[in-house]
PDB file of N, CA and C in Angstrom:
ATOM      1  N   UNK A   1     -19.690   5.777 -10.245  1.00  0.00           N
ATOM      2  CA  UNK A   1     -18.420   5.472 -11.207  1.00  0.00           C
ATOM      3  C   UNK A   1     -17.716   4.499 -10.586  1.00  0.00           C
ATOM      4  N   UNK A   2     -17.583   3.150 -10.929  1.00  0.00           N
ATOM      5  CA  UNK A   2     -16.876   2.116 -10.741  1.00  0.00           C
ATOM      6  C   UNK A   2     -15.540   2.145 -11.236  1.00  0.00           C
ATOM      7  N   UNK A   3     -14.617   1.557 -10.227  1.00  0.00           N
ATOM      8  CA  UNK A   3     -13.129   1.441 -10.339  1.00  0.00           C
ATOM      9  C   UNK A   3     -12.789  -0.251 -10.565  1.00  0.00           C
ATOM     10  N   UNK A   4     -11.867  -0.061 -11.623  1.00  0.00           N
ATOM     11  CA  UNK A   4     -11.344  -1.503 -11.830  1.00  0.00           C
ATOM     12  C   UNK A   4      -9.620  -1.608 -11.188  1.00  0.00           C
ATOM     13  N   UNK A   5     -10.082  -1.775  -9.873  1.00  0.00           N
ATOM     14  CA  UNK A   5      -8.884  -1.554  -9.010  1.00  0.00           C
ATOM     15  C   UNK A   5      -8.486  -3.198  -8.978  1.00  0.00           C
ATOM     16  N   UNK A   6      -7.037  -3.059  -8.922  1.00  0.00           N
ATOM     17  CA  UNK A   6      -6.576  -4.403  -8.715  1.00  0.00           C
ATOM     18  C   UNK A   6      -5.935  -4.735  -7.557  1.00  0.00           C
ATOM     19  N   UNK A   7      -6.485  -5.515  -7.050  1.00  0.00           N
ATOM     20  CA  UNK A   7      -6.342  -5.993  -5.196  1.00  0.00           C
ATOM     21  C   UNK A   7      -4.825  -6.239  -5.047  1.00  0.00           C
ATOM     22  N   UNK A   8      -4.009  -6.770  -6.127  1.00  0.00           N
ATOM     23  CA  UNK A   8      -2.890  -7.138  -6.057  1.00  0.00           C
ATOM     24  C   UNK A   8      -2.021  -5.929  -5.825  1.00  0.00           C
ATOM     25  N   UNK A   9      -2.320  -5.092  -6.746  1.00  0.00           N
ATOM     26  CA  UNK A   9      -1.642  -3.667  -6.365  1.00  0.00           C
ATOM     27  C   UNK A   9      -1.697  -2.834  -5.057  1.00  0.00           C
ATOM     28  N   UNK A  10      -2.783  -2.919  -4.773  1.00  0.00           N
ATOM     29  CA  UNK A  10      -3.087  -2.347  -3.340  1.00  0.00           C
ATOM     30  C   UNK A  10      -2.496  -3.052  -2.213  1.00  0.00           C
ATOM     31  N   UNK A  11      -2.431  -4.712  -2.201  1.00  0.00           N
ATOM     32  CA  UNK A  11      -1.579  -5.343  -1.203  1.00  0.00           C
ATOM     33  C   UNK A  11      -0.024  -5.032  -1.340  1.00  0.00           C
ATOM     34  N   UNK A  12       0.236  -4.966  -2.707  1.00  0.00           N
ATOM     35  CA  UNK A  12       1.433  -4.222  -2.818  1.00  0.00           C
ATOM     36  C   UNK A  12       1.922  -3.256  -2.688  1.00  0.00           C
ATOM     37  N   UNK A  13       1.222  -2.203  -2.647  1.00  0.00           N
ATOM     38  CA  UNK A  13       1.449  -0.887  -1.995  1.00  0.00           C
ATOM     39  C   UNK A  13       1.615  -1.165  -0.544  1.00  0.00           C
ATOM     40  N   UNK A  14       0.910  -2.052   0.391  1.00  0.00           N
ATOM     41  CA  UNK A  14       0.811  -2.045   1.285  1.00  0.00           C
ATOM     42  C   UNK A  14       2.127  -2.842   2.101  1.00  0.00           C
ATOM     43  N   UNK A  15       2.350  -3.685   1.336  1.00  0.00           N
ATOM     44  CA  UNK A  15       3.797  -4.341   1.560  1.00  0.00           C
ATOM     45  C   UNK A  15       4.967  -3.515   1.582  1.00  0.00           C
ATOM     46  N   UNK A  16       5.190  -2.526   0.603  1.00  0.00           N
ATOM     47  CA  UNK A  16       6.051  -1.656   0.342  1.00  0.00           C
ATOM     48  C   UNK A  16       6.185  -0.916   1.457  1.00  0.00           C
ATOM     49  N   UNK A  17       5.166  -0.352   2.115  1.00  0.00           N
ATOM     50  CA  UNK A  17       4.571   0.697   2.781  1.00  0.00           C
ATOM     51  C   UNK A  17       5.098   0.117   4.265  1.00  0.00           C
ATOM     52  N   UNK A  18       4.680  -0.909   4.678  1.00  0.00           N
ATOM     53  CA  UNK A  18       5.234  -1.318   6.013  1.00  0.00           C
ATOM     54  C   UNK A  18       6.553  -1.906   6.055  1.00  0.00           C
ATOM     55  N   UNK A  19       7.052  -2.230   4.801  1.00  0.00           N
ATOM     56  CA  UNK A  19       8.704  -2.557   4.445  1.00  0.00           C
ATOM     57  C   UNK A  19       9.238  -1.214   4.850  1.00  0.00           C
ATOM     58  N   UNK A  20       9.104  -0.463   4.359  1.00  0.00           N
ATOM     59  CA  UNK A  20       9.785   0.777   4.253  1.00  0.00           C
ATOM     60  C   UNK A  20       9.650   1.565   5.538  1.00  0.00           C
ATOM     61  N   UNK A  21       8.341   1.235   6.423  1.00  0.00           N
ATOM     62  CA  UNK A  21       8.305   1.654   7.640  1.00  0.00           C
ATOM     63  C   UNK A  21       9.222   0.980   8.804  1.00  0.00           C
ATOM     64  N   UNK A  22       9.662  -0.370   8.556  1.00  0.00           N
ATOM     65  CA  UNK A  22      10.421  -1.352   9.139  1.00  0.00           C
ATOM     66  C   UNK A  22      11.792  -1.105   8.968  1.00  0.00           C
ATOM     67  N   UNK A  23      11.920  -0.068   7.758  1.00  0.00           N
ATOM     68  CA  UNK A  23      13.372  -0.157   7.415  1.00  0.00           C
ATOM     69  C   UNK A  23      14.299  -0.980   6.644  1.00  0.00           C
ATOM     70  N   UNK A  24      13.335  -1.891   5.880  1.00  0.00           N
ATOM     71  CA  UNK A  24      14.052  -2.934   5.210  1.00  0.00           C
ATOM     72  C   UNK A  24      14.142  -2.953   3.946  1.00  0.00           C
ATOM     73  N   UNK A  25      15.247  -2.824   3.033  1.00  0.00           N
ATOM     74  CA  UNK A  25      15.086  -2.856   1.528  1.00  0.00           C
ATOM     75  C   UNK A  25      14.422  -4.328   0.987  1.00  0.00           C
ATOM     76  N   UNK A  26      14.229  -4.503  -0.084  1.00  0.00           N
ATOM     77  CA  UNK A  26      13.457  -5.644  -0.619  1.00  0.00           C
ATOM     78  C   UNK A  26      14.378  -6.947  -0.602  1.00  0.00           C
ATOM     79  N   UNK A  27      15.662  -6.730  -0.662  1.00  0.00           N
ATOM     80  CA  UNK A  27      16.694  -7.840  -0.240  1.00  0.00           C
ATOM     81  C   UNK A  27      16.501  -8.191   1.078  1.00  0.00           C
ATOM     82  N   UNK A  28      16.774  -7.450   1.893  1.00  0.00           N
ATOM     83  CA  UNK A  28      16.571  -7.790   3.258  1.00  0.00           C
ATOM     84  C   UNK A  28      15.215  -8.453   3.733  1.00  0.00           C
ATOM     85  N   UNK A  29      14.269  -7.798   3.139  1.00  0.00           N
ATOM     86  CA  UNK A  29      12.653  -8.375   3.511  1.00  0.00           C
ATOM     87  C   UNK A  29      12.911  -9.859   2.688  1.00  0.00           C
ATOM     88  N   UNK A  30      13.283 -10.003   1.473  1.00  0.00           N
ATOM     89  CA  UNK A  30      13.119 -11.355   0.860  1.00  0.00           C
ATOM     90  C   UNK A  30      14.097 -12.454   1.796  1.00  0.00           C
ATOM     91  N   UNK A  31      15.288 -11.866   2.244  1.00  0.00           N
ATOM     92  CA  UNK A  31      16.120 -12.755   3.004  1.00  0.00           C
ATOM     93  C   UNK A  31      15.003 -13.273   4.587  1.00  0.00           C
ATOM     94  N   UNK A  32      14.722 -12.504   5.142  1.00  0.00           N
ATOM     95  CA  UNK A  32      14.001 -12.689   6.311  1.00  0.00           C
ATOM     96  C   UNK A  32      12.960 -13.521   6.106  1.00  0.00           C
ATOM     97  N   UNK A  33      12.123 -13.757   4.982  1.00  0.00           N
ATOM     98  CA  UNK A  33      11.243 -14.601   4.702  1.00  0.00           C
ATOM     99  C   UNK A  33      11.490 -15.682   3.563  1.00  0.00           C
ATOM    100  N   UNK A  34      12.521 -15.760   3.381  1.00  0.00           N
ATOM    101  CA  UNK A  34      13.028 -16.803   2.566  1.00  0.00           C
ATOM    102  C   UNK A  34      12.364 -16.798   1.045  1.00  0.00           C
ATOM    103  N   UNK A  35      12.303 -15.742   0.538  1.00  0.00           N
ATOM    104  CA  UNK A  35      11.809 -15.887  -0.967  1.00  0.00           C
ATOM    105  C   UNK A  35      12.779 -14.943  -1.475  1.00  0.00           C
ATOM    106  N   UNK A  36      12.485 -14.832  -3.124  1.00  0.00           N
ATOM    107  CA  UNK A  36      13.553 -14.077  -3.715  1.00  0.00           C
ATOM    108  C   UNK A  36      12.954 -12.725  -3.745  1.00  0.00           C
ATOM    109  N   UNK A  37      14.104 -12.050  -4.044  1.00  0.00           N
ATOM    110  CA  UNK A  37      14.034 -10.625  -4.132  1.00  0.00           C
ATOM    111  C   UNK A  37      13.041  -9.974  -5.461  1.00  0.00           C
ATOM    112  N   UNK A  38      12.917 -10.721  -6.397  1.00  0.00           N
ATOM    113  CA  UNK A  38      12.326 -10.668  -7.198  1.00  0.00           C
ATOM    114  C   UNK A  38      11.015 -10.989  -7.069  1.00  0.00           C
ATOM    115  N   UNK A  39      10.632 -12.027  -6.181  1.00  0.00           N
ATOM    116  CA  UNK A  39       9.261 -12.380  -5.561  1.00  0.00           C
ATOM    117  C   UNK A  39       8.554 -11.187  -4.890  1.00  0.00           C
ATOM    118  N   UNK A  40       9.503 -10.623  -4.089  1.00  0.00           N
ATOM    119  CA  UNK A  40       9.097  -9.311  -3.277  1.00  0.00           C
ATOM    120  C   UNK A  40       8.496  -8.110  -4.271  1.00  0.00           C
ATOM    121  N   UNK A  41       9.550  -7.897  -5.175  1.00  0.00           N
ATOM    122  CA  UNK A  41       9.268  -6.848  -6.282  1.00  0.00           C
ATOM    123  C   UNK A  41       8.071  -7.125  -6.888  1.00  0.00           C
ATOM    124  N   UNK A  42       7.903  -8.339  -7.204  1.00  0.00           N
ATOM    125  CA  UNK A  42       6.816  -8.598  -8.098  1.00  0.00           C
ATOM    126  C   UNK A  42       5.487  -8.525  -7.112  1.00  0.00           C
ATOM    127  N   UNK A  43       5.464  -8.938  -5.869  1.00  0.00           N
ATOM    128  CA  UNK A  43       3.941  -8.579  -5.133  1.00  0.00           C
ATOM    129  C   UNK A  43       4.308  -7.188  -4.946  1.00  0.00           C
ATOM    130  N   UNK A  44       5.119  -6.241  -4.522  1.00  0.00           N
ATOM    131  CA  UNK A  44       5.128  -5.038  -4.359  1.00  0.00           C
ATOM    132  C   UNK A  44       4.115  -4.458  -5.774  1.00  0.00           C
ATOM    133  N   UNK A  45       4.870  -4.782  -6.693  1.00  0.00           N
ATOM    134  CA  UNK A  45       4.011  -4.320  -7.937  1.00  0.00           C
ATOM    135  C   UNK A  45       2.766  -4.808  -8.536  1.00  0.00           C
ATOM    136  N   UNK A  46       2.320  -5.944  -7.558  1.00  0.00           N
ATOM    137  CA  UNK A  46       0.838  -6.179  -7.652  1.00  0.00           C
ATOM    138  C   UNK A  46       1.102  -7.196  -8.802  1.00  0.00           C
ATOM    139  N   UNK A  47       2.085  -7.666  -9.157  1.00  0.00           N
ATOM    140  CA  UNK A  47       2.336  -8.942 -10.408  1.00  0.00           C
ATOM    141  C   UNK A  47       2.014 -10.081  -9.940  1.00  0.00           C
ATOM    142  N   UNK A  48       2.325 -10.459  -8.625  1.00  0.00           N
ATOM    143  CA  UNK A  48       1.968 -11.941  -8.120  1.00  0.00           C
ATOM    144  C   UNK A  48       1.009 -12.156  -7.097  1.00  0.00           C
ATOM    145  N   UNK A  49      -0.034 -13.099  -6.960  1.00  0.00           N
ATOM    146  CA  UNK A  49      -0.550 -13.255  -5.804  1.00  0.00           C
ATOM    147  C   UNK A  49      -0.199 -13.568  -4.491  1.00  0.00           C
ATOM    148  N   UNK A  50      -0.398 -13.166  -3.721  1.00  0.00           N
ATOM    149  CA  UNK A  50      -0.043 -13.412  -2.120  1.00  0.00           C
ATOM    150  C   UNK A  50      -0.252 -14.728  -1.669  1.00  0.00           C
ATOM    151  N   UNK A  51       0.759 -15.386  -1.542  1.00  0.00           N
ATOM    152  CA  UNK A  51       0.468 -16.860  -0.960  1.00  0.00           C
ATOM    153  C   UNK A  51       0.166 -16.765   0.525  1.00  0.00           C
ATOM    154  N   UNK A  52      -0.802 -17.751   1.472  1.00  0.00           N
ATOM    155  CA  UNK A  52      -1.100 -17.892   2.780  1.00  0.00           C
ATOM    156  C   UNK A  52       0.443 -17.791   3.351  1.00  0.00           C
ATOM    157  N   UNK A  53       1.487 -18.720   2.907  1.00  0.00           N
ATOM    158  CA  UNK A  53       2.582 -18.754   3.778  1.00  0.00           C
ATOM    159  C   UNK A  53       3.158 -17.513   3.841  1.00  0.00           C
ATOM    160  N   UNK A  54       3.219 -16.800   2.538  1.00  0.00           N
ATOM    161  CA  UNK A  54       3.951 -15.583   2.462  1.00  0.00           C
ATOM    162  C   UNK A  54       3.336 -14.525   3.389  1.00  0.00           C
ATOM    163  N   UNK A  55       2.152 -14.591   3.203  1.00  0.00           N
ATOM    164  CA  UNK A  55       1.281 -13.669   4.257  1.00  0.00           C
ATOM    165  C   UNK A  55       1.981 -13.593   5.425  1.00  0.00           C
ATOM    166  N   UNK A  56       1.644 -14.800   6.144  1.00  0.00           N
ATOM    167  CA  UNK A  56       2.037 -14.942   7.211  1.00  0.00           C
ATOM    168  C   UNK A  56       3.415 -14.649   7.809  1.00  0.00           C
ATOM    169  N   UNK A  57       4.553 -14.972   6.840  1.00  0.00           N
ATOM    170  CA  UNK A  57       5.539 -14.712   7.122  1.00  0.00           C
ATOM    171  C   UNK A  57       6.094 -13.000   7.091  1.00  0.00           C
ATOM    172  N   UNK A  58       5.325 -12.343   5.970  1.00  0.00           N
ATOM    173  CA  UNK A  58       5.443 -10.880   5.767  1.00  0.00           C
ATOM    174  C   UNK A  58       5.015 -10.072   7.452  1.00  0.00           C
ATOM    175  N   UNK A  59       3.756 -10.627   7.573  1.00  0.00           N
ATOM    176  CA  UNK A  59       3.088 -10.123   8.975  1.00  0.00           C
ATOM    177  C   UNK A  59       4.112 -10.284  10.343  1.00  0.00           C
ATOM    178  N   UNK A  60       4.679 -11.728  10.169  1.00  0.00           N
ATOM    179  CA  UNK A  60       5.625 -11.809  11.130  1.00  0.00           C
ATOM    180  C   UNK A  60       6.933 -10.678  11.142  1.00  0.00           C
ATOM    181  N   UNK A  61       7.196 -10.658  10.105  1.00  0.00           N
ATOM    182  CA  UNK A  61       8.650  -9.893   9.923  1.00  0.00           C
ATOM    183  C   UNK A  61       8.176  -8.418  10.130  1.00  0.00           C
ATOM    184  N   UNK A  62       7.131  -8.151   9.455  1.00  0.00           N
ATOM    185  CA  UNK A  62       6.732  -6.422   9.556  1.00  0.00           C
ATOM    186  C   UNK A  62       5.736  -5.958  10.603  1.00  0.00           C
ATOM    187  N   UNK A  63       5.852  -7.051  11.531  1.00  0.00           N
ATOM    188  CA  UNK A  63       4.849  -6.599  12.625  1.00  0.00           C
ATOM    189  C   UNK A  63       3.459  -6.305  12.607  1.00  0.00           C
ATOM    190  N   UNK A  64       2.715  -6.785  11.534  1.00  0.00           N
ATOM    191  CA  UNK A  64       1.414  -6.364  11.522  1.00  0.00           C
ATOM    192  C   UNK A  64       0.605  -7.499  11.357  1.00  0.00           C
ATOM    193  N   UNK A  65      -0.729  -7.463  11.526  1.00  0.00           N
ATOM    194  CA  UNK A  65      -1.661  -8.317  11.168  1.00  0.00           C
ATOM    195  C   UNK A  65      -2.101  -8.500   9.789  1.00  0.00           C
ATOM    196  N   UNK A  66      -2.443  -9.830   9.362  1.00  0.00           N
ATOM    197  CA  UNK A  66      -2.897  -9.884   8.012  1.00  0.00           C
ATOM    198  C   UNK A  66      -4.007  -8.912   7.513  1.00  0.00           C
ATOM    199  N   UNK A  67      -5.135  -8.388   8.693  1.00  0.00           N
ATOM    200  CA  UNK A  67      -5.620  -7.709   7.969  1.00  0.00           C
ATOM    201  C   UNK A  67      -5.436  -6.429   7.814  1.00  0.00           C
ATOM    202  N   UNK A  68      -4.006  -5.948   8.062  1.00  0.00           N
ATOM    203  CA  UNK A  68      -3.632  -4.655   7.798  1.00  0.00           C
ATOM    204  C   UNK A  68      -3.142  -4.855   6.259  1.00  0.00           C
ATOM    205  N   UNK A  69      -2.548  -5.975   5.837  1.00  0.00           N
ATOM    206  CA  UNK A  69      -2.511  -6.143   4.249  1.00  0.00           C
ATOM    207  C   UNK A  69      -3.452  -6.238   3.467  1.00  0.00           C
ATOM    208  N   UNK A  70      -4.725  -7.103   3.817  1.00  0.00           N
ATOM    209  CA  UNK A  70      -5.864  -7.356   2.933  1.00  0.00           C
ATOM    210  C   UNK A  70      -6.885  -6.707   2.948  1.00  0.00           C
ATOM    211  N   UNK A  71      -7.315  -6.003   4.232  1.00  0.00           N
ATOM    212  CA  UNK A  71      -8.615  -5.155   3.998  1.00  0.00           C
ATOM    213  C   UNK A  71      -8.092  -3.945   3.679  1.00  0.00           C
ATOM    214  N   UNK A  72      -9.420  -3.023   3.135  1.00  0.00           N
ATOM    215  CA  UNK A  72      -9.129  -1.352   2.955  1.00  0.00           C
ATOM    216  C   UNK A  72      -9.383  -1.112   1.462  1.00  0.00           C
ATOM    217  N   UNK A  73      -8.944  -0.210   0.955  1.00  0.00           N
ATOM    218  CA  UNK A  73      -9.529   0.588  -0.180  1.00  0.00           C
ATOM    219  C   UNK A  73     -10.027   0.023  -1.322  1.00  0.00           C
ATOM    220  N   UNK A  74     -10.871  -1.017  -1.304  1.00  0.00           N
ATOM    221  CA  UNK A  74     -11.378  -1.724  -2.487  1.00  0.00           C
ATOM    222  C   UNK A  74     -12.696  -1.588  -2.470  1.00  0.00           C
ATOM    223  N   UNK A  75     -13.254  -0.389  -3.016  1.00  0.00           N
ATOM    224  CA  UNK A  75     -14.658  -0.046  -2.913  1.00  0.00           C
ATOM    225  C   UNK A  75     -15.031   0.387  -4.094  1.00  0.00           C
ATOM    226  N   UNK A  76     -16.338   0.501  -4.662  1.00  0.00           N
ATOM    227  CA  UNK A  76     -16.881   0.857  -5.699  1.00  0.00           C
ATOM    228  C   UNK A  76     -16.929   2.404  -5.871  1.00  0.00           C
ATOM    229  N   UNK A  77     -16.919   3.297  -5.063  1.00  0.00           N
ATOM    230  CA  UNK A  77     -16.901   4.691  -5.222  1.00  0.00           C
ATOM    231  C   UNK A  77     -15.486   5.073  -5.188  1.00  0.00           C
ATOM    232  N   UNK A  78     -15.052   6.217  -6.006  1.00  0.00           N
ATOM    233  CA  UNK A  78     -13.883   6.817  -5.979  1.00  0.00           C
ATOM    234  C   UNK A  78     -13.436   7.246  -4.865  1.00  0.00           C
ATOM    235  N   UNK A  79     -14.689   8.141  -4.251  1.00  0.00           N
ATOM    236  CA  UNK A  79     -14.368   9.202  -3.084  1.00  0.00           C
ATOM    237  C   UNK A  79     -13.947   8.000  -1.893  1.00  0.00           C
ATOM    238  N   UNK A  80     -14.720   7.050  -1.739  1.00  0.00           N
ATOM    239  CA  UNK A  80     -14.358   6.289  -0.722  1.00  0.00           C
ATOM    240  C   UNK A  80     -13.148   5.458  -0.513  1.00  0.00           C
ATOM    241  N   UNK A  81     -12.493   5.204  -1.897  1.00  0.00           N
ATOM    242  CA  UNK A  81     -11.207   4.880  -2.096  1.00  0.00           C
ATOM    243  C   UNK A  81     -10.284   5.992  -1.701  1.00  0.00           C
ATOM    244  N   UNK A  82     -10.308   7.081  -1.873  1.00  0.00           N
ATOM    245  CA  UNK A  82      -9.826   8.378  -1.652  1.00  0.00           C
ATOM    246  C   UNK A  82      -9.590   8.659  -0.473  1.00  0.00           C
ATOM    247  N   UNK A  83     -10.494   8.269   0.312  1.00  0.00           N
ATOM    248  CA  UNK A  83     -10.611   8.652   1.746  1.00  0.00           C
ATOM    249  C   UNK A  83      -9.767   7.634   2.364  1.00  0.00           C
ATOM    250  N   UNK A  84      -9.856   6.079   1.820  1.00  0.00           N
ATOM    251  CA  UNK A  84      -9.183   5.194   2.661  1.00  0.00           C
ATOM    252  C   UNK A  84      -7.632   5.157   2.580  1.00  0.00           C
ATOM    253  N   UNK A  85      -7.218   5.532   0.997  1.00  0.00           N
ATOM    254  CA  UNK A  85      -5.710   5.939   0.765  1.00  0.00           C
ATOM    255  C   UNK A  85      -5.194   6.967   1.541  1.00  0.00           C
ATOM    256  N   UNK A  86      -5.900   8.117   1.749  1.00  0.00           N
ATOM    257  CA  UNK A  86      -5.616   9.290   2.552  1.00  0.00           C
ATOM    258  C   UNK A  86      -5.490   8.832   4.037  1.00  0.00           C
ATOM    259  N   UNK A  87      -6.332   7.970   4.742  1.00  0.00           N
ATOM    260  CA  UNK A  87      -6.069   7.680   5.913  1.00  0.00           C
ATOM    261  C   UNK A  87      -4.830   6.514   5.975  1.00  0.00           C
ATOM    262  N   UNK A  88      -4.579   6.162   5.048  1.00  0.00           N
ATOM    263  CA  UNK A  88      -2.956   5.337   5.117  1.00  0.00           C
ATOM    264  C   UNK A  88      -1.711   6.566   5.052  1.00  0.00           C
ATOM    265  N   UNK A  89      -1.933   7.546   4.822  1.00  0.00           N
ATOM    266  CA  UNK A  89      -0.897   8.401   4.860  1.00  0.00           C
ATOM    267  C   UNK A  89      -0.463   9.063   6.163  1.00  0.00           C
ATOM    268  N   UNK A  90       0.799   9.143   6.284  1.00  0.00           N
ATOM    269  CA  UNK A  90       1.331   9.854   7.711  1.00  0.00           C
ATOM    270  C   UNK A  90       0.357  11.461   7.854  1.00  0.00           C
ATOM    271  N   UNK A  91       0.813  12.077   8.990  1.00  0.00           N
ATOM    272  CA  UNK A  91       0.029  13.287   8.986  1.00  0.00           C
ATOM    273  C   UNK A  91       0.625  14.252   8.115  1.00  0.00           C
ATOM    274  N   UNK A  92       1.913  14.140   7.855  1.00  0.00           N
ATOM    275  CA  UNK A  92       2.825  15.223   7.054  1.00  0.00           C
ATOM    276  C   UNK A  92       2.371  14.795   5.762  1.00  0.00           C
ATOM    277  N   UNK A  93       2.199  13.788   5.123  1.00  0.00           N
ATOM    278  CA  UNK A  93       1.843  13.373   3.780  1.00  0.00           C
ATOM    279  C   UNK A  93       0.521  14.008   3.756  1.00  0.00           C
ATOM    280  N   UNK A  94      -0.478  13.771   4.411  1.00  0.00           N
ATOM    281  CA  UNK A  94      -1.903  14.282   4.567  1.00  0.00           C
ATOM    282  C   UNK A  94      -1.856  15.669   4.231  1.00  0.00           C
ATOM    283  N   UNK A  95      -0.892  16.470   5.203  1.00  0.00           N
ATOM    284  CA  UNK A  95      -0.937  17.920   5.059  1.00  0.00           C
ATOM    285  C   UNK A  95      -0.358  18.558   3.453  1.00  0.00           C
ATOM    286  N   UNK A  96       0.211  17.540   2.856  1.00  0.00           N
ATOM    287  CA  UNK A  96       1.247  17.797   1.791  1.00  0.00           C
ATOM    288  C   UNK A  96       0.090  17.755   0.644  1.00  0.00           C
ATOM    289  N   UNK A  97      -0.887  16.649   0.721  1.00  0.00           N
ATOM    290  CA  UNK A  97      -1.877  16.276  -0.424  1.00  0.00           C
ATOM    291  C   UNK A  97      -2.815  17.409  -0.182  1.00  0.00           C
ATOM    292  N   UNK A  98      -3.108  17.993   1.226  1.00  0.00           N
ATOM    293  CA  UNK A  98      -4.016  19.164   1.434  1.00  0.00           C
ATOM    294  C   UNK A  98      -3.714  20.329   0.733  1.00  0.00           C
ATOM    295  N   UNK A  99      -2.503  20.618   0.882  1.00  0.00           N
ATOM    296  CA  UNK A  99      -2.111  21.924   0.165  1.00  0.00           C
ATOM    297  C   UNK A  99      -2.086  21.518  -1.300  1.00  0.00           C
ATOM    298  N   UNK A 100      -1.932  20.689  -1.824  1.00  0.00           N
ATOM    299  CA  UNK A 100      -1.966  20.403  -3.370  1.00  0.00           C
ATOM    300  C   UNK A 100      -3.257  20.458  -3.859  1.00  0.00           C
ATOM    301  N   UNK A 101      -4.207  19.839  -3.065  1.00  0.00           N
ATOM    302  CA  UNK A 101      -5.714  20.035  -3.345  1.00  0.00           C
ATOM    303  C   UNK A 101      -6.148  21.389  -3.308  1.00  0.00           C
ATOM    304  N   UNK A 102      -5.604  22.099  -2.166  1.00  0.00           N
ATOM    305  CA  UNK A 102      -5.918  23.733  -2.261  1.00  0.00           C
ATOM    306  C   UNK A 102      -5.702  24.221  -3.285  1.00  0.00           C
ATOM    307  N   UNK A 103      -4.217  24.304  -3.783  1.00  0.00           N
ATOM    308  CA  UNK A 103      -3.555  24.876  -4.976  1.00  0.00           C
ATOM    309  C   UNK A 103      -4.420  24.466  -6.263  1.00  0.00           C
ATOM    310  N   UNK A 104      -4.856  22.985  -6.430  1.00  0.00           N
ATOM    311  CA  UNK A 104      -5.510  22.790  -7.465  1.00  0.00           C
ATOM    312  C   UNK A 104      -6.708  23.419  -7.589  1.00  0.00           C
ATOM    313  N   UNK A 105      -7.483  23.759  -6.554  1.00  0.00           N
ATOM    314  CA  UNK A 105      -8.834  24.372  -6.452  1.00  0.00           C
ATOM    315  C   UNK A 105      -8.725  25.779  -6.669  1.00  0.00           C
ATOM    316  N   UNK A 106      -7.692  26.166  -6.296  1.00  0.00           N
ATOM    317  CA  UNK A 106      -7.437  27.788  -6.396  1.00  0.00           C
ATOM    318  C   UNK A 106      -7.125  28.134  -7.853  1.00  0.00           C
ATOM    319  N   UNK A 107      -6.516  27.136  -8.424  1.00  0.00           N
ATOM    320  CA  UNK A 107      -6.166  27.306  -9.981  1.00  0.00           C
ATOM    321  C   UNK A 107      -7.309  27.178 -10.731  1.00  0.00           C
ATOM    322  N   UNK A 108      -8.242  26.178 -10.395  1.00  0.00           N
ATOM    323  CA  UNK A 108      -9.521  25.918 -11.093  1.00  0.00           C
ATOM    324  C   UNK A 108     -10.260  26.911 -11.028  1.00  0.00           C
ATOM    325  N   UNK A 109     -10.544  27.426  -9.623  1.00  0.00           N
ATOM    326  CA  UNK A 109     -11.637  28.561  -9.555  1.00  0.00           C
ATOM    327  C   UNK A 109     -10.921  29.799  -8.996  1.00  0.00           C
ATOM    328  N   UNK A 110     -10.268  30.604 -10.006  1.00  0.00           N
ATOM    329  CA  UNK A 110      -9.748  31.793  -9.425  1.00  0.00           C
ATOM    330  C   UNK A 110     -10.345  32.961  -8.982  1.00  0.00           C
TER     331      UNK A 110
END
């Protein structure tokens, strides 16, 4: 099964994840990299393309390398994307997801 995955949405998800990890609000991040809060919001929602200067500024402020925003879960197979997305979760989030999956399978196969 092929997925129609919007690369901007995945990059936006990662921007939000790293922003939150650093403890910044969208307004604080926008001030640090000198773009509008609306632009940050649009990037995180996948509405806008990420420009090279903004990419570099984001990486500097968020203490990450560009590969952390640009590479990852954009594959043809659903299972490959699921694995990549799960790897991006914290250990606690992975445990919660595992519990939810177990509950789902237990309900599906009583």
